[in-house]
Amino acid sequence: MAKWMSQYQPTDVCEIFCYDEAKVNRLRGQTEVPQGISSIFKALADDTRFRIAYALSLEDELCVCDVANIIGTTVANASHHLRVLRNNGLASHRKEGKMVFYALADAHVKTIIRMAFDHSQEMRPNAHPAGR
C-alpha cells in the first residue's frame, strides 16, 4: 500500500462492520421508492428548469414568452424545459388564443421548490438568517 493511502482515513464511514438487525429489517421494506419520484428530482436537477420552476413559484402563472425573457433564452428552449416539467407532473399549462401559460402543478410542487431554494440559501457559506 502506498504511504499516502495508509495516511488517508475517511471519517465518514464505519470502522467496523456491524448493524442493528431490528432497525435494518424494519426499514428495508419501507425504503422502496415509488415509481416517478426520481424523475421529479431529475427534472429539477437541471439549473434552467429549476430557475423556471422557482419563477413559477413566485407567480400564479407565466406565459412561455415571459419565461424565455426571465431566463434569457429562446421561446423554443423555454418551451422545451416547460414541457419537461409538465411531462414529469411538475407543471400544468393552458392555452389562451395564441398564448400558452404555465403554472406549477399544485401546492406540493411549490413547497418542494421553495424548500429546496431556502435550503440552498442556508447552505451558502456566507448566508445569514433573515433579520440577523
Protein backbone atom coordinates (compact mmCIF):
# COMPACT_ATOMS: atom_id res chain seq x y z
CA MET A 1 0.00 0.00 0.00
CA ALA A 2 1.29 3.44 -0.89
CA LYS A 3 2.34 5.61 2.02
CA TRP A 4 -0.21 8.32 1.19
CA MET A 5 -3.02 5.73 1.17
CA SER A 6 -2.18 4.49 4.65
CA GLN A 7 -2.34 8.07 5.94
CA TYR A 8 -5.78 8.70 4.47
CA GLN A 9 -8.53 7.50 6.74
CA PRO A 10 -12.02 8.63 5.83
CA THR A 11 -14.07 9.91 8.74
CA ASP A 12 -17.48 9.34 7.15
CA VAL A 13 -17.50 5.53 7.15
CA CYS A 14 -17.83 2.94 9.89
CA GLU A 15 -14.58 1.46 11.11
CA ILE A 16 -16.21 -1.86 11.96
CA PHE A 17 -18.91 -3.87 10.23
CA CYS A 18 -21.94 -4.43 12.37
CA TYR A 19 -25.55 -3.38 12.11
CA ASP A 20 -28.76 -3.03 14.07
CA GLU A 21 -30.71 -6.01 12.74
CA ALA A 22 -34.09 -4.83 14.06
CA LYS A 23 -33.65 -1.37 12.51
CA VAL A 24 -32.44 -2.79 9.20
CA ASN A 25 -35.35 -5.25 8.97
CA ARG A 26 -37.91 -2.57 9.89
CA LEU A 27 -36.63 -0.06 7.33
CA ARG A 28 -35.76 -2.41 4.49
CA GLY A 29 -39.37 -2.70 3.33
CA GLN A 30 -40.15 0.97 3.89
CA THR A 31 -37.46 2.44 1.67
CA GLU A 32 -38.82 1.32 -1.68
CA VAL A 33 -39.10 4.44 -3.82
CA PRO A 34 -42.45 4.78 -5.60
CA GLN A 35 -42.12 4.98 -9.37
CA GLY A 36 -41.63 8.54 -10.64
CA ILE A 37 -40.02 10.17 -7.61
CA SER A 38 -36.50 10.11 -9.02
CA SER A 39 -37.85 11.54 -12.30
CA ILE A 40 -39.19 14.55 -10.40
CA PHE A 41 -35.79 15.31 -8.92
CA LYS A 42 -34.04 14.58 -12.21
CA ALA A 43 -36.25 17.17 -13.92
CA LEU A 44 -35.48 19.73 -11.22
CA ALA A 45 -31.74 18.92 -11.22
CA ASP A 46 -31.30 20.98 -14.38
CA ASP A 47 -30.43 24.58 -13.39
CA THR A 48 -32.57 26.11 -16.13
CA ARG A 49 -35.63 24.05 -15.20
CA PHE A 50 -35.17 24.84 -11.53
CA ARG A 51 -34.97 28.56 -12.34
CA ILE A 52 -38.19 28.25 -14.31
CA ALA A 53 -39.89 26.32 -11.52
CA TYR A 54 -38.73 28.89 -8.98
CA ALA A 55 -40.09 31.74 -11.13
CA LEU A 56 -43.39 29.86 -11.36
CA SER A 57 -43.40 29.52 -7.57
CA LEU A 58 -43.33 33.32 -7.33
CA GLU A 59 -46.23 33.89 -9.76
CA ASP A 60 -49.51 32.08 -10.28
CA GLU A 61 -48.68 31.53 -13.95
CA LEU A 62 -46.35 32.78 -16.68
CA CYS A 63 -46.62 32.65 -20.45
CA VAL A 64 -43.85 30.92 -22.39
CA CYS A 65 -42.59 34.27 -23.73
CA ASP A 66 -42.27 35.67 -20.20
CA VAL A 67 -40.36 32.57 -19.08
CA ALA A 68 -37.99 32.91 -22.05
CA ASN A 69 -37.24 36.52 -21.11
CA ILE A 70 -36.86 35.75 -17.40
CA ILE A 71 -34.23 33.06 -18.01
CA GLY A 72 -32.66 34.77 -21.03
CA THR A 73 -33.26 32.14 -23.68
CA THR A 74 -35.33 31.49 -26.78
CA VAL A 75 -39.03 30.74 -26.69
CA ALA A 76 -38.28 27.30 -28.17
CA ASN A 77 -35.79 26.48 -25.39
CA ALA A 78 -38.12 27.75 -22.67
CA SER A 79 -40.95 25.74 -24.19
CA HIS A 80 -38.79 22.60 -24.17
CA HIS A 81 -37.92 23.00 -20.48
CA LEU A 82 -41.54 23.76 -19.57
CA ARG A 83 -42.64 20.62 -21.43
CA VAL A 84 -40.17 18.53 -19.39
CA LEU A 85 -41.61 19.99 -16.19
CA ARG A 86 -45.14 19.28 -17.42
CA ASN A 87 -44.32 15.72 -18.52
CA ASN A 88 -42.94 15.00 -15.06
CA GLY A 89 -46.08 16.26 -13.33
CA LEU A 90 -44.46 19.44 -12.02
CA ALA A 91 -46.28 21.99 -14.18
CA SER A 92 -49.59 22.42 -15.93
CA HIS A 93 -50.48 24.57 -18.90
CA ARG A 94 -53.42 26.27 -20.55
CA LYS A 95 -53.79 27.87 -23.95
CA GLU A 96 -55.45 31.24 -24.37
CA GLY A 97 -55.65 32.24 -28.01
CA LYS A 98 -52.09 32.16 -29.33
CA MET A 99 -50.51 32.25 -25.87
CA VAL A 100 -49.64 29.32 -23.61
CA PHE A 101 -49.50 29.85 -19.86
CA TYR A 102 -47.73 27.56 -17.40
CA ALA A 103 -48.18 27.15 -13.66
CA LEU A 104 -46.81 24.77 -11.07
CA ALA A 105 -48.94 21.64 -10.87
CA ASP A 106 -50.02 22.11 -7.24
CA ALA A 107 -49.07 23.35 -3.78
CA HIS A 108 -46.85 20.30 -3.17
CA VAL A 109 -44.61 21.24 -6.08
CA LYS A 110 -44.45 24.84 -4.90
CA THR A 111 -43.43 23.63 -1.43
CA ILE A 112 -40.68 21.40 -2.86
CA ILE A 113 -39.30 24.27 -4.94
CA ARG A 114 -39.40 26.80 -2.12
CA MET A 115 -37.90 24.40 0.43
CA ALA A 116 -35.07 23.49 -1.94
CA PHE A 117 -34.39 27.17 -2.58
CA ASP A 118 -34.47 28.02 1.13
CA HIS A 119 -32.20 25.09 1.94
CA SER A 120 -29.70 26.15 -0.73
CA GLN A 121 -29.59 29.62 0.82
CA GLU A 122 -28.85 28.12 4.24
CA MET A 123 -26.04 26.03 2.74
CA ARG A 124 -24.22 29.07 1.32
CA PRO A 125 -21.06 29.83 3.35
CA ASN A 126 -21.94 33.48 3.99
CA ALA A 127 -25.68 33.05 4.34
CA HIS A 128 -27.24 34.65 7.36
CA PRO A 129 -30.79 34.04 8.56
CA ALA A 130 -33.14 36.91 7.79
CA GLY A 131 -33.28 39.58 10.43
CA ARG A 132 -29.81 39.00 11.84
